[in-house]
């Protein structure tokens, strides 16, 4: 697998260094289909998609469902195939819901690659995935949080939506680590709006005064937890940690209201699926799985990330 990724990287370098090769190739149309399409997390994903589309001389559209609706999302895959798209990048948030439609696309000659979330626990005809290793990332959250979570305490753990396998895997990974410290937890779903998440988290913390730590699994709930502490519990010994980047999360880290967050390079999740689909459609080069990583951002490196994040290449 590592050799395959190296070969793909070499070919990508050649393609980007020789733009005339892409410009002379036949036009292609790709579509990204996601859940929660308007969530702030996807802004750098779209940026990566758009910049890769220009470099590879393809047309790309970004669409999806407003909330978590796997049936509607699967229907969008079928429509994309019927509408003649040359390739599909799909956010596979459920391990079974998309197996049939991805197989149908493959049988019709339309390649599918996964981005953001992959189905790696059941058979699926997608060709590759550009995603974080979620179990591993969850364990990273648990290990780092163990440095400040006391033994035998109770923590609040959050997801922004139920039914998204990536969030469940992160949750399980963190819980596996925390069990070793006899830590218990209460789990809530916050929704995808940080302000609303902040209200719900603050209410839950007031109702559970023994809980002093909030561990989150996505961008909206991480931002919401940081806002809740900033607005209602500042200086009272609360700790927040979670996932993903936003200007507000970075600000909250600098201000000390979020201890750390774990990045998954959303820009790359938009960029590389376009490249992989273009190379496959034009030259038959098989896409390869790529790990989006699990970089920890805390007070020691947040200023560097803020500077880098201004380019939106995260």
Protein backbone atom coordinates (compact mmCIF):
# COMPACT_ATOMS: atom_id res chain seq x y z
CA UNK A 1 0.00 0.00 0.00
CA UNK A 2 2.81 2.41 0.85
CA UNK A 3 4.41 1.80 -2.53
CA UNK A 4 1.07 2.49 -4.23
CA UNK A 5 0.75 5.81 -2.41
CA UNK A 6 4.32 6.75 -3.41
CA UNK A 7 3.59 5.95 -7.06
CA UNK A 8 0.39 7.99 -6.91
CA UNK A 9 2.30 10.91 -5.36
CA UNK A 10 4.94 10.71 -8.12
CA UNK A 11 2.31 10.73 -10.85
CA UNK A 12 0.50 13.59 -9.15
CA UNK A 13 3.76 15.56 -9.09
CA UNK A 14 4.23 15.00 -12.81
CA UNK A 15 0.63 16.00 -13.55
CA UNK A 16 0.85 19.20 -11.51
CA UNK A 17 4.27 20.10 -12.89
CA UNK A 18 2.99 19.64 -16.47
CA UNK A 19 -0.40 21.40 -16.57
CA UNK A 20 -0.56 21.03 -20.34
CA UNK A 21 -1.15 17.30 -19.83
CA UNK A 22 -4.33 17.98 -17.87
CA UNK A 23 -5.41 20.85 -20.12
CA UNK A 24 -5.20 18.61 -23.19
CA UNK A 25 -7.19 15.80 -21.63
CA UNK A 26 -10.87 15.25 -22.18
CA UNK A 27 -13.22 17.21 -19.86
CA UNK A 28 -14.58 15.29 -16.89
CA UNK A 29 -17.38 15.98 -14.39
CA UNK A 30 -17.12 14.85 -10.78
CA UNK A 31 -19.48 15.29 -7.85
CA UNK A 32 -18.91 15.23 -4.08
CA UNK A 33 -21.90 13.92 -2.10
CA UNK A 34 -21.86 14.40 1.65
CA UNK A 35 -23.97 14.53 4.77
CA UNK A 36 -24.50 17.87 6.59
CA UNK A 37 -23.38 19.74 3.46
CA UNK A 38 -23.54 23.22 5.02
CA UNK A 39 -21.39 22.41 8.08
CA UNK A 40 -18.44 24.79 8.44
CA UNK A 41 -16.03 21.83 8.40
CA UNK A 42 -16.57 21.40 4.65
CA UNK A 43 -15.38 24.88 3.64
CA UNK A 44 -11.72 23.82 3.31
CA UNK A 45 -12.86 20.53 1.72
CA UNK A 46 -14.56 22.57 -1.01
CA UNK A 47 -11.45 24.74 -1.32
CA UNK A 48 -9.29 21.67 -1.89
CA UNK A 49 -11.81 20.29 -4.39
CA UNK A 50 -11.91 23.55 -6.35
CA UNK A 51 -8.13 23.96 -6.53
CA UNK A 52 -7.61 20.34 -7.59
CA UNK A 53 -10.34 20.74 -10.24
CA UNK A 54 -8.48 23.69 -11.77
CA UNK A 55 -5.19 21.83 -11.80
CA UNK A 56 -6.68 18.66 -13.29
CA UNK A 57 -8.96 20.49 -15.77
CA UNK A 58 -12.19 18.94 -14.50
CA UNK A 59 -15.55 20.25 -13.33
CA UNK A 60 -16.57 19.51 -9.73
CA UNK A 61 -19.77 20.03 -7.79
CA UNK A 62 -20.23 19.76 -4.03
CA UNK A 63 -23.64 18.72 -2.74
CA UNK A 64 -25.33 16.55 -0.14
CA UNK A 65 -28.06 16.33 2.45
CA UNK A 66 -28.86 19.09 4.92
CA UNK A 67 -28.69 16.69 7.89
CA UNK A 68 -28.00 12.98 8.39
CA UNK A 69 -30.25 11.20 5.89
CA UNK A 70 -28.57 8.13 4.42
CA UNK A 71 -31.52 7.23 2.18
CA UNK A 72 -31.56 10.67 0.58
CA UNK A 73 -27.79 10.64 0.24
CA UNK A 74 -27.88 7.23 -1.44
CA UNK A 75 -30.54 8.53 -3.82
CA UNK A 76 -28.16 11.36 -4.76
CA UNK A 77 -25.56 8.77 -5.77
CA UNK A 78 -28.05 7.07 -8.09
CA UNK A 79 -29.03 10.43 -9.58
CA UNK A 80 -25.39 11.36 -10.15
CA UNK A 81 -24.88 8.13 -12.10
CA UNK A 82 -28.05 8.77 -14.12
CA UNK A 83 -26.97 12.36 -14.79
CA UNK A 84 -23.74 11.18 -16.39
CA UNK A 85 -21.09 12.24 -13.89
CA UNK A 86 -17.73 10.64 -14.62
CA UNK A 87 -16.79 10.05 -10.97
CA UNK A 88 -18.18 10.40 -7.46
CA UNK A 89 -16.55 11.28 -4.15
CA UNK A 90 -18.83 10.00 -1.40
CA UNK A 91 -18.91 10.62 2.34
CA UNK A 92 -19.70 7.04 3.45
CA UNK A 93 -21.09 7.76 6.91
CA UNK A 94 -22.78 4.36 7.33
CA UNK A 95 -21.08 0.95 6.90
CA UNK A 96 -24.00 -0.61 5.03
CA UNK A 97 -26.33 2.08 3.63
CA UNK A 98 -24.24 2.81 0.54
CA UNK A 99 -23.03 -0.66 -0.43
CA UNK A 100 -25.73 -1.21 -3.06
CA UNK A 101 -25.54 2.22 -4.73
CA UNK A 102 -21.73 2.17 -4.88
CA UNK A 103 -21.89 -1.29 -6.47
CA UNK A 104 -24.45 0.00 -8.99
CA UNK A 105 -22.19 2.93 -9.86
CA UNK A 106 -19.23 0.60 -10.37
CA UNK A 107 -21.27 -1.65 -12.64
CA UNK A 108 -22.21 1.42 -14.71
CA UNK A 109 -18.54 2.35 -15.02
CA UNK A 110 -18.64 5.29 -12.61
CA UNK A 111 -15.76 5.17 -10.09
CA UNK A 112 -16.44 6.09 -6.46
CA UNK A 113 -13.87 7.16 -3.87
CA UNK A 114 -14.64 7.91 -0.24
CA UNK A 115 -13.78 11.17 1.50
CA UNK A 116 -14.12 12.27 5.13
CA UNK A 117 -15.68 8.93 6.24
CA UNK A 118 -15.06 5.47 4.80
CA UNK A 119 -16.77 2.08 4.96
CA UNK A 120 -13.98 -0.32 5.89
CA UNK A 121 -15.97 -2.80 7.99
CA UNK A 122 -18.17 -4.31 5.27
CA UNK A 123 -17.76 -5.01 1.52
CA UNK A 124 -17.95 -1.85 -0.56
CA UNK A 125 -17.01 -1.26 -4.20
CA UNK A 126 -15.48 2.18 -3.61
CA UNK A 127 -11.94 2.32 -4.97
CA UNK A 128 -10.16 4.23 -2.21
CA UNK A 129 -10.64 6.53 0.76
CA UNK A 130 -9.07 9.82 1.84
CA UNK A 131 -10.02 9.81 5.51
CA UNK A 132 -8.70 9.88 9.04
CA UNK A 133 -8.20 6.57 10.87
CA UNK A 134 -10.98 7.25 13.33
CA UNK A 135 -10.38 4.56 15.96
CA UNK A 136 -6.73 5.59 16.13
CA UNK A 137 -7.67 9.27 16.34
CA UNK A 138 -10.14 8.55 19.15
CA UNK A 139 -7.44 6.76 21.11
CA UNK A 140 -5.17 9.79 20.58
CA UNK A 141 -7.90 11.96 22.09
CA UNK A 142 -8.22 9.61 25.06
CA UNK A 143 -4.47 9.38 25.68
CA UNK A 144 -3.93 13.14 25.59
CA UNK A 145 -7.02 13.81 27.74
CA UNK A 146 -5.78 11.23 30.27
CA UNK A 147 -3.05 13.69 31.15
CA UNK A 148 -5.61 15.97 32.84
CA UNK A 149 -8.67 13.79 33.51
CA UNK A 150 -8.46 12.46 37.11
CA UNK A 151 -8.89 8.74 37.75
CA UNK A 152 -12.41 7.56 38.52
CA UNK A 153 -14.16 10.75 37.42
CA UNK A 154 -17.07 11.23 35.02
CA UNK A 155 -16.75 13.16 31.75
CA UNK A 156 -19.19 14.51 29.18
CA UNK A 157 -18.65 13.10 25.67
CA UNK A 158 -20.37 14.59 22.64
CA UNK A 159 -21.25 13.87 19.01
CA UNK A 160 -22.80 16.48 16.74
CA UNK A 161 -25.11 13.90 15.14
CA UNK A 162 -26.06 10.31 15.81
CA UNK A 163 -25.67 7.67 13.11
CA UNK A 164 -22.27 8.81 11.76
CA UNK A 165 -19.81 5.94 11.98
CA UNK A 166 -16.72 8.17 12.19
CA UNK A 167 -17.96 9.89 15.32
CA UNK A 168 -18.89 6.56 16.88
CA UNK A 169 -15.40 5.18 16.15
CA UNK A 170 -13.71 8.23 17.67
CA UNK A 171 -15.96 7.88 20.70
CA UNK A 172 -15.13 4.19 21.15
CA UNK A 173 -11.42 4.82 20.71
CA UNK A 174 -11.38 7.47 23.44
CA UNK A 175 -13.52 5.34 25.75
CA UNK A 176 -11.17 2.36 25.37
CA UNK A 177 -8.32 4.48 26.72
CA UNK A 178 -10.33 6.15 29.48
CA UNK A 179 -11.54 2.81 30.86
CA UNK A 180 -8.02 2.16 32.09
CA UNK A 181 -8.45 5.15 34.44
CA UNK A 182 -11.89 3.99 35.61
CA UNK A 183 -13.41 7.04 33.94
CA UNK A 184 -17.14 6.92 33.14
CA UNK A 185 -19.08 9.14 30.77
CA UNK A 186 -22.34 10.69 29.74
CA UNK A 187 -22.88 11.02 25.96
CA UNK A 188 -25.09 13.61 24.23
CA UNK A 189 -25.74 14.74 20.64
CA UNK A 190 -25.38 18.50 20.21
CA UNK A 191 -26.44 19.25 16.64
CA UNK A 192 -24.31 20.95 13.99
CA UNK A 193 -24.71 24.58 15.10
CA UNK A 194 -21.97 25.61 17.59
CA UNK A 195 -24.15 28.18 19.37
CA UNK A 196 -26.91 25.63 19.93
CA UNK A 197 -24.31 23.06 20.99
CA UNK A 198 -22.94 25.55 23.53
CA UNK A 199 -26.39 25.99 25.07
CA UNK A 200 -27.00 22.25 25.35
CA UNK A 201 -23.54 21.54 26.77
CA UNK A 202 -23.84 24.35 29.33
CA UNK A 203 -27.25 23.01 30.41
CA UNK A 204 -25.84 19.49 30.77
CA UNK A 205 -22.88 20.69 32.83
CA UNK A 206 -25.16 22.62 35.18
CA UNK A 207 -27.29 19.49 35.64
CA UNK A 208 -24.17 17.37 36.31
CA UNK A 209 -21.90 19.47 38.56
CA UNK A 210 -19.53 16.52 39.07
CA UNK A 211 -18.50 16.70 35.38
CA UNK A 212 -15.57 19.03 34.71
CA UNK A 213 -14.31 17.67 31.36
CA UNK A 214 -15.95 17.69 27.91
CA UNK A 215 -14.49 15.45 25.18
CA UNK A 216 -15.92 16.01 21.71
CA UNK A 217 -15.79 14.16 18.40
CA UNK A 218 -16.42 16.83 15.76
CA UNK A 219 -16.06 20.48 14.88
CA UNK A 220 -19.47 21.82 15.90
CA UNK A 221 -19.48 20.20 19.34
CA UNK A 222 -15.83 21.05 20.03
CA UNK A 223 -16.49 24.69 19.22
CA UNK A 224 -19.74 24.59 21.19
CA UNK A 225 -18.04 23.12 24.27
CA UNK A 226 -15.34 25.79 24.16
CA UNK A 227 -17.98 28.52 23.88
CA UNK A 228 -19.92 27.01 26.80
CA UNK A 229 -16.86 27.14 29.04
CA UNK A 230 -15.94 30.64 27.87
CA UNK A 231 -19.43 32.02 28.44
CA UNK A 232 -20.46 30.18 31.62
CA UNK A 233 -17.58 28.35 33.34
CA UNK A 234 -14.41 30.35 32.68
CA UNK A 235 -11.83 30.00 35.44
CA UNK A 236 -13.77 27.25 37.20
CA UNK A 237 -11.54 24.29 36.37
CA UNK A 238 -13.31 22.95 33.27
CA UNK A 239 -11.43 21.30 30.40
CA UNK A 240 -12.46 20.79 26.76
CA UNK A 241 -10.81 18.80 23.97
CA UNK A 242 -12.04 17.57 20.62
CA UNK A 243 -11.63 17.50 16.87
CA UNK A 244 -11.21 19.70 13.83
CA UNK A 245 -10.42 23.33 13.19
CA UNK A 246 -12.35 26.54 12.88
CA UNK A 247 -11.26 30.12 13.57
CA UNK A 248 -13.28 29.99 16.78
CA UNK A 249 -11.70 26.72 17.96
CA UNK A 250 -8.24 28.16 17.38
CA UNK A 251 -9.21 31.33 19.25
CA UNK A 252 -10.59 29.26 22.12
CA UNK A 253 -7.33 27.29 22.34
CA UNK A 254 -5.35 30.53 22.54
CA UNK A 255 -7.72 31.78 25.24
CA UNK A 256 -7.35 28.55 27.25
CA UNK A 257 -10.98 27.42 26.97
CA UNK A 258 -10.09 24.40 24.75
CA UNK A 259 -7.05 22.33 25.79
CA UNK A 260 -6.41 20.83 22.36
CA UNK A 261 -8.03 19.74 19.12
CA UNK A 262 -7.15 17.03 16.58
CA UNK A 263 -6.92 18.03 12.93
CA UNK A 264 -7.78 15.78 9.97
CA UNK A 265 -6.68 17.97 7.01
CA UNK A 266 -10.06 18.66 5.35
CA UNK A 267 -8.35 20.47 2.47
CA UNK A 268 -6.60 17.23 1.53
CA UNK A 269 -9.94 15.39 1.74
CA UNK A 270 -11.22 17.63 -1.04
CA UNK A 271 -8.04 17.80 -3.11
CA UNK A 272 -6.90 14.19 -3.44
CA UNK A 273 -10.22 12.56 -4.43
CA UNK A 274 -10.33 14.86 -7.47
CA UNK A 275 -6.79 13.91 -8.44
CA UNK A 276 -7.44 10.21 -7.93
CA UNK A 277 -10.64 10.23 -9.97
CA UNK A 278 -9.03 12.21 -12.80
CA UNK A 279 -6.01 9.91 -13.01
CA UNK A 280 -8.22 6.83 -12.92
CA UNK A 281 -10.65 8.07 -15.57
CA UNK A 282 -7.92 9.28 -17.92
CA UNK A 283 -5.08 6.82 -17.44
CA UNK A 284 -6.49 3.86 -15.50
CA UNK A 285 -4.27 4.61 -12.49
CA UNK A 286 -5.89 2.91 -9.50
CA UNK A 287 -6.70 5.21 -6.53
CA UNK A 288 -4.97 4.49 -3.22
CA UNK A 289 -6.11 4.93 0.38
CA UNK A 290 -4.68 7.99 2.12
CA UNK A 291 -4.65 8.70 5.87
CA UNK A 292 -5.72 12.29 6.56
CA UNK A 293 -3.80 12.16 9.84
CA UNK A 294 -4.47 13.14 13.44
CA UNK A 295 -2.33 16.15 14.27
CA UNK A 296 -2.76 17.64 17.76
CA UNK A 297 -3.07 21.42 18.03
CA UNK A 298 -2.68 22.97 21.47
CA UNK A 299 -1.36 26.20 22.99
CA UNK A 300 2.21 25.33 21.93
CA UNK A 301 1.55 25.29 18.17
CA UNK A 302 -1.77 27.11 17.76
CA UNK A 303 -0.15 30.33 16.49
CA UNK A 304 1.57 28.43 13.67
CA UNK A 305 -1.72 26.78 12.75
CA UNK A 306 -3.56 30.11 12.78
CA UNK A 307 -1.05 31.47 10.27
CA UNK A 308 -1.35 28.37 8.10
CA UNK A 309 -5.13 28.27 8.40
CA UNK A 310 -5.36 31.68 6.74
CA UNK A 311 -4.53 29.92 3.47
CA UNK A 312 -7.42 27.46 4.08
CA UNK A 313 -5.09 24.57 3.22
CA UNK A 314 -5.98 22.58 6.35
